[in-house]
Protein backbone atom coordinates (compact mmCIF):
# COMPACT_ATOMS: atom_id res chain seq x y z
CA MET A 1 -5.99 -38.17 -23.90
CA THR A 2 -4.94 -39.77 -27.19
CA PHE A 3 -2.06 -42.25 -27.34
CA ARG A 4 0.04 -39.74 -29.31
CA ALA A 5 -0.66 -36.95 -26.82
CA GLY A 6 0.09 -39.23 -23.89
CA LEU A 7 3.39 -40.34 -25.45
CA THR A 8 4.36 -36.73 -26.07
CA ALA A 9 3.64 -35.85 -22.44
CA LEU A 10 5.75 -38.75 -21.21
CA ILE A 11 8.68 -37.79 -23.41
CA THR A 12 8.45 -34.17 -22.27
CA ALA A 13 8.39 -35.20 -18.62
CA ALA A 14 11.36 -37.50 -19.09
CA THR A 15 13.29 -34.72 -20.79
CA LEU A 16 12.66 -32.39 -17.88
CA VAL A 17 13.91 -35.00 -15.42
CA THR A 18 17.06 -35.97 -17.32
CA ALA A 19 18.04 -32.63 -18.86
CA PRO A 20 21.35 -31.31 -17.55
CA ALA A 21 21.34 -28.32 -15.27
CA CYS A 22 21.71 -24.95 -16.94
CA ALA A 23 22.96 -21.61 -15.73
CA ASP A 24 19.47 -20.14 -15.50
CA THR A 25 18.26 -22.72 -12.97
CA TYR A 26 21.42 -24.20 -11.45
CA PRO A 27 21.60 -25.08 -8.66
CA GLU A 28 18.08 -26.17 -7.79
CA ARG A 29 19.15 -28.39 -4.90
CA ALA A 30 22.15 -29.18 -2.71
CA VAL A 31 25.50 -29.88 -4.35
CA GLU A 32 27.20 -32.89 -2.73
CA PHE A 33 30.90 -32.52 -2.00
CA ILE A 34 32.75 -35.85 -1.95
CA VAL A 35 35.90 -35.21 0.06
CA PRO A 36 38.13 -38.23 -0.70
CA TRP A 37 39.92 -38.09 2.65
CA SER A 38 39.10 -38.90 6.26
CA PRO A 39 37.52 -36.30 8.56
CA GLY A 40 39.95 -34.05 10.40
CA GLY A 41 42.88 -34.01 7.97
CA GLY A 42 44.21 -31.04 6.03
CA SER A 43 42.10 -31.62 2.93
CA ASP A 44 38.95 -32.25 4.96
CA THR A 45 39.47 -29.11 7.04
CA LEU A 46 40.08 -26.86 4.04
CA MET A 47 37.27 -28.35 1.96
CA ARG A 48 34.78 -27.96 4.80
CA LEU A 49 35.66 -24.28 4.88
CA ILE A 50 34.55 -24.12 1.26
CA ALA A 51 31.40 -26.16 1.86
CA ASN A 52 30.42 -24.21 4.96
CA ASN A 53 30.92 -20.78 3.40
CA VAL A 54 29.95 -21.08 -0.27
CA GLU A 55 26.14 -21.07 0.04
CA PRO A 56 25.72 -17.25 -0.13
CA PHE A 57 27.67 -17.25 -3.40
CA LEU A 58 26.28 -20.45 -4.94
CA GLY A 59 22.71 -20.30 -3.71
CA ALA A 60 22.64 -23.89 -2.45
CA GLU A 61 23.91 -25.96 0.44
CA MET A 62 27.01 -28.12 -0.02
CA PRO A 63 26.95 -31.15 2.29
CA VAL A 64 30.28 -32.96 2.70
CA ILE A 65 30.53 -36.73 2.22
CA ASN A 66 33.86 -38.25 3.30
CA ILE A 67 34.86 -41.28 1.20
CA ALA A 68 38.45 -42.04 2.14
CA GLY A 69 40.88 -44.72 1.01
CA VAL A 70 43.92 -45.48 -1.16
CA GLY A 71 45.35 -41.98 -1.17
CA GLY A 72 42.10 -40.28 -2.03
CA THR A 73 41.35 -42.45 -5.06
CA VAL A 74 38.33 -44.32 -3.62
CA GLY A 75 36.30 -41.14 -3.27
CA LEU A 76 37.43 -39.92 -6.68
CA ARG A 77 36.33 -43.22 -8.23
CA GLU A 78 32.88 -42.69 -6.75
CA THR A 79 32.84 -39.13 -8.08
CA SER A 80 33.71 -40.34 -11.58
CA ARG A 81 30.65 -42.60 -11.52
CA ARG A 82 28.22 -39.86 -10.50
CA ALA A 83 25.93 -38.06 -12.95
CA ALA A 84 27.64 -35.20 -14.78
CA ASP A 85 24.94 -32.75 -13.77
CA GLY A 86 26.73 -30.37 -11.43
CA TYR A 87 25.33 -31.87 -8.25
CA THR A 88 28.49 -33.77 -7.30
CA ILE A 89 31.89 -32.16 -6.88
CA SER A 90 35.15 -33.45 -5.44
CA GLN A 91 38.70 -32.38 -4.65
CA ILE A 92 42.12 -33.34 -5.99
CA HIS A 93 45.69 -32.37 -5.24
CA GLU A 94 49.12 -33.33 -6.57
CA GLY A 95 48.83 -36.75 -4.97
CA LEU A 96 46.42 -37.92 -7.67
CA LEU A 97 48.98 -37.25 -10.40
CA VAL A 98 51.64 -39.18 -8.50
CA ALA A 99 49.20 -42.04 -7.80
CA THR A 100 48.34 -42.23 -11.50
CA GLU A 101 51.96 -42.31 -12.62
CA THR A 102 53.00 -44.91 -10.03
CA GLY A 103 50.10 -47.22 -10.90
CA ILE A 104 48.12 -46.85 -7.67
CA THR A 105 45.08 -45.89 -9.74
CA ASP A 106 44.07 -45.81 -13.38
CA LEU A 107 42.19 -42.55 -12.78
CA ALA A 108 43.89 -39.43 -14.11
CA TRP A 109 43.29 -35.76 -13.46
CA ASP A 110 41.78 -35.29 -16.92
CA ASP A 111 39.16 -37.95 -16.21
CA PHE A 112 37.47 -35.02 -14.46
CA GLU A 113 36.60 -31.45 -15.39
CA PRO A 114 38.76 -29.01 -13.37
CA VAL A 115 36.68 -26.11 -12.04
CA ALA A 116 38.88 -24.09 -9.71
CA LEU A 117 42.08 -24.32 -7.73
CA MET A 118 41.23 -22.94 -4.28
CA THR A 119 44.12 -23.25 -1.84
CA ALA A 120 47.87 -23.66 -1.87
CA SER A 121 50.18 -24.72 0.92
CA PRO A 122 53.71 -23.75 -0.18
CA GLN A 123 56.40 -26.29 0.64
CA TYR A 124 59.88 -25.43 1.84
CA LEU A 125 63.28 -27.05 1.46
CA VAL A 126 64.31 -27.30 5.11
CA ALA A 127 67.90 -27.93 6.25
CA GLY A 128 69.26 -29.22 9.52
CA ALA A 129 72.39 -27.92 11.18
CA SER A 130 75.34 -28.08 8.76
CA ASP A 131 78.90 -26.82 8.62
CA ASN A 132 78.86 -27.08 4.82
CA TYR A 133 76.11 -24.62 3.88
CA SER A 134 73.73 -22.06 5.35
CA THR A 135 72.18 -20.65 2.17
CA PHE A 136 70.62 -22.29 -0.85
CA GLU A 137 73.50 -21.26 -3.11
CA GLU A 138 76.04 -22.84 -0.75
CA PHE A 139 73.87 -25.93 -0.51
CA VAL A 140 73.73 -26.35 -4.31
CA THR A 141 77.50 -25.98 -4.60
CA TYR A 142 78.07 -28.60 -1.94
CA ALA A 143 75.39 -30.99 -3.25
CA GLN A 144 76.71 -30.83 -6.81
CA ALA A 145 80.17 -31.68 -5.53
CA ASN A 146 78.86 -34.55 -3.39
CA PRO A 147 76.15 -36.35 -5.39
CA GLY A 148 74.11 -38.91 -3.45
CA GLU A 149 75.55 -37.94 -0.06
CA ILE A 150 72.82 -35.58 1.15
CA SER A 151 69.86 -37.35 2.75
CA ILE A 152 66.37 -35.90 2.38
CA GLY A 153 63.23 -36.96 4.21
CA VAL A 154 60.13 -37.48 2.05
CA THR A 155 57.02 -39.61 1.82
CA LEU A 156 58.23 -42.17 -0.72
CA GLY A 157 55.97 -42.26 -3.77
CA GLY A 158 54.06 -39.24 -2.47
CA VAL A 159 53.95 -35.50 -3.07
CA PRO A 160 57.06 -34.70 -0.93
CA HIS A 161 59.00 -37.26 -3.01
CA LEU A 162 57.79 -35.50 -6.15
CA HIS A 163 58.87 -32.12 -4.81
CA ALA A 164 62.35 -33.34 -3.89
CA ALA A 165 62.73 -34.90 -7.34
CA MET A 166 61.69 -31.59 -8.93
CA ILE A 167 64.48 -29.84 -7.02
CA GLU A 168 66.95 -32.51 -8.16
CA GLN A 169 65.86 -32.08 -11.77
CA ALA A 170 65.92 -28.28 -11.72
CA PHE A 171 69.35 -27.87 -10.12
CA GLY A 172 71.16 -31.01 -11.29
CA LEU A 173 71.38 -32.69 -7.88
CA GLN A 174 71.22 -36.23 -6.55
CA PHE A 175 69.72 -36.95 -3.13
CA LYS A 176 69.62 -39.99 -0.88
CA TYR A 177 65.94 -40.52 -0.10
CA VAL A 178 64.67 -41.57 3.32
CA GLY A 179 61.00 -42.40 3.72
CA TYR A 180 58.74 -41.08 6.47
CA GLU A 181 54.98 -41.36 6.74
CA GLY A 182 54.16 -37.75 7.55
CA THR A 183 55.57 -34.24 7.59
CA GLY A 184 55.84 -34.02 11.36
CA GLU A 185 57.79 -37.27 11.53
CA ARG A 186 60.44 -36.20 9.04
CA ILE A 187 60.81 -32.73 10.56
CA ARG A 188 61.43 -34.31 13.95
CA ALA A 189 64.03 -36.58 12.35
CA LEU A 190 65.67 -33.52 10.82
CA VAL A 191 65.78 -31.73 14.19
CA GLY A 192 67.26 -34.88 15.72
CA GLY A 193 70.12 -34.92 13.22
CA ASN A 194 68.98 -38.05 11.38
CA LEU A 195 68.59 -36.22 8.07
CA ASP A 196 70.28 -33.43 6.16
CA LEU A 197 67.16 -32.03 4.50
CA ALA A 198 63.40 -32.44 4.43
CA ILE A 199 60.39 -31.14 2.57
CA GLY A 200 58.27 -29.25 5.08
CA ASP A 201 55.84 -26.39 5.55
CA ILE A 202 55.27 -23.44 7.84
CA SER A 203 53.08 -25.26 10.33
CA SER A 204 55.52 -28.15 10.80
CA ALA A 205 58.88 -26.39 10.68
CA LYS A 206 58.65 -22.68 11.50
CA GLN A 207 58.96 -23.12 15.26
CA PHE A 208 62.28 -24.93 14.74
CA VAL A 209 63.47 -22.31 12.27
CA ASP A 210 62.60 -19.58 14.76
CA SER A 211 64.65 -21.40 17.42
CA ARG A 212 67.52 -21.76 14.90
CA ASN A 213 67.49 -25.54 14.96
CA LEU A 214 66.50 -25.64 11.28
CA THR A 215 66.85 -23.35 8.26
CA PHE A 216 64.46 -22.62 5.41
CA LEU A 217 66.67 -22.70 2.31
CA ALA A 218 63.98 -21.92 -0.29
CA VAL A 219 60.23 -21.92 -0.83
CA GLY A 220 58.22 -23.27 -3.75
CA SER A 221 55.69 -20.43 -3.96
CA ALA A 222 55.44 -17.89 -6.76
CA ASN A 223 56.34 -15.03 -4.41
CA ARG A 224 58.03 -14.74 -1.03
CA MET A 225 55.78 -15.67 1.85
CA GLU A 226 54.69 -13.17 4.49
CA ALA A 227 55.32 -15.78 7.19
CA ALA A 228 58.98 -16.12 6.09
CA PRO A 229 59.85 -13.00 4.10
CA ASP A 230 63.62 -13.60 4.10
CA VAL A 231 63.35 -16.99 2.38
CA PRO A 232 63.95 -16.82 -1.40
CA THR A 233 61.75 -18.57 -3.94
CA PHE A 234 63.17 -21.15 -6.32
CA LYS A 235 62.32 -18.76 -9.15
CA GLU A 236 64.58 -16.11 -7.62
CA LEU A 237 67.28 -18.76 -7.41
CA GLY A 238 67.21 -19.52 -11.12
CA HIS A 239 64.45 -22.08 -11.65
CA ASP A 240 60.74 -22.10 -11.03
CA PRO A 241 59.47 -25.46 -9.78
CA GLU A 242 56.15 -24.84 -8.01
CA LEU A 243 56.28 -26.79 -4.76
CA ASN A 244 52.76 -26.53 -3.43
CA VAL A 245 50.14 -28.83 -2.07
CA THR A 246 47.22 -27.34 -3.97
CA ARG A 247 43.61 -28.31 -3.50
CA GLY A 248 41.14 -27.79 -6.29
CA ILE A 249 37.56 -28.58 -7.19
CA VAL A 250 36.64 -31.01 -9.97
CA VAL A 251 33.39 -32.40 -11.34
CA PRO A 252 32.59 -35.56 -13.32
CA LYS A 253 33.64 -35.59 -16.97
CA GLY A 254 30.97 -34.19 -19.23
CA THR A 255 29.47 -31.73 -16.76
CA PRO A 256 28.00 -28.91 -18.90
CA GLN A 257 30.16 -25.85 -19.43
CA GLU A 258 27.48 -23.48 -18.16
CA VAL A 259 27.31 -25.40 -14.89
CA ARG A 260 31.09 -25.34 -14.51
CA ASP A 261 31.00 -21.60 -15.20
CA SER A 262 28.41 -21.09 -12.45
CA LEU A 263 30.51 -23.08 -9.98
CA GLU A 264 33.64 -21.17 -10.96
CA VAL A 265 31.97 -17.79 -10.40
CA ALA A 266 30.70 -18.87 -6.97
CA LEU A 267 34.11 -20.20 -5.94
CA ARG A 268 35.88 -17.12 -7.27
CA ASN A 269 33.60 -14.87 -5.22
CA LEU A 270 34.13 -17.06 -2.15
CA SER A 271 37.91 -16.81 -2.62
CA GLN A 272 37.63 -13.02 -2.32
CA ASP A 273 35.61 -13.12 0.91
CA PRO A 274 37.71 -11.78 3.82
CA ASP A 275 36.15 -14.13 6.37
CA TYR A 276 36.88 -17.19 4.22
CA ILE A 277 40.44 -15.99 3.57
CA GLU A 278 41.09 -15.53 7.27
CA LYS A 279 39.72 -18.98 8.14
CA THR A 280 41.84 -20.60 5.42
CA ASN A 281 44.97 -18.80 6.59
CA ASN A 282 44.26 -19.90 10.15
CA ALA A 283 44.08 -23.48 8.86
CA GLY A 284 47.64 -23.16 7.52
CA ALA A 285 46.96 -22.54 3.83
CA ASP A 286 46.77 -19.63 1.40
CA VAL A 287 43.89 -18.85 -0.91
CA GLY A 288 45.35 -19.17 -4.40
CA PHE A 289 42.37 -19.12 -6.77
CA ARG A 290 42.79 -20.18 -10.40
CA GLY A 291 39.81 -20.61 -12.69
CA GLN A 292 39.10 -23.46 -15.09
CA ASP A 293 41.60 -22.56 -17.80
CA ALA A 294 44.45 -21.62 -15.46
CA TYR A 295 43.85 -24.68 -13.27
CA ARG A 296 43.83 -27.00 -16.29
CA THR A 297 47.09 -25.45 -17.50
CA TYR A 298 48.66 -25.94 -14.06
CA LEU A 299 47.63 -29.60 -13.92
CA ALA A 300 48.80 -30.30 -17.47
CA LYS A 301 52.23 -28.76 -16.80
CA LEU A 302 52.56 -30.62 -13.51
CA ASP A 303 51.55 -33.87 -15.19
CA GLU A 304 54.41 -33.49 -17.66
CA THR A 305 56.80 -33.00 -14.74
CA VAL A 306 55.48 -36.05 -12.90
CA LYS A 307 55.85 -38.19 -16.04
CA SER A 308 59.42 -36.99 -16.53
CA LEU A 309 60.21 -38.13 -12.98
CA SER A 310 58.41 -41.47 -13.12
CA SER A 311 61.59 -43.52 -12.73
CA VAL A 312 62.49 -41.64 -9.54
CA LEU A 313 58.99 -41.94 -8.08
CA ALA A 314 58.53 -45.65 -8.80
CA PRO A 315 58.10 -47.72 -5.63
């Protein structure tokens, strides 16, 4: 072999090794799923449902790697450093946007390529026993007349804090914030009469609503929920803040479009699978698929909202 022929062969081989995946061949091996949360939590449970059920639609296994820490940002940092070749994916939710705005991380949602929003867990405005209001309209009237008097339980600097601030902004209210670590803790405080309101969900609060200890005033979903069909949406009530904990799939910045398209198609098909839908519902979430463009639009709009509320969310 001549020197020129040998050099050409080496260059060709190197090109084959380093060339990005394309739609015709992708995926040729397993796609690693970095879940930036500890095993057993809500995100881990829902993301494992994706990983464990997507192979028939993607054509490759999807092993989960848990890299937890600092509100999900440690695993996302690792994801951002991985090759943009389609063989590493990760998951974000609204918490990343809050963490960015409050200075917990310098990573932002658009440091990644959004692929698909997969699940949504609608959040409710939950009220304790009150002689002053029993409906959302009565609540707004009372709250506007008594600014700063109504206490609301949130996770300070977290997604529930964001959701409460969105309600304040939309309806011209002013709450007194009380911090709790988790949803269950603040719902118990609400049942015990230590709060006036809380941000909660079906799994944490419905049993107390059914027993008439608490009341769902409104829900942040696009449409009324089957689990609570009598509860109006904020859109019905005059404004449309989306109060969801959504979980979506992202890949490192620069991942080829054709690879993102292949992932989106696989995830879209998974989202229509009855078995996957049932498992997700049983885990306390709804399948709310949005493709790349719709997911990017959602994140961009939410980012504007988070920025507008930065002074409220600051630690």
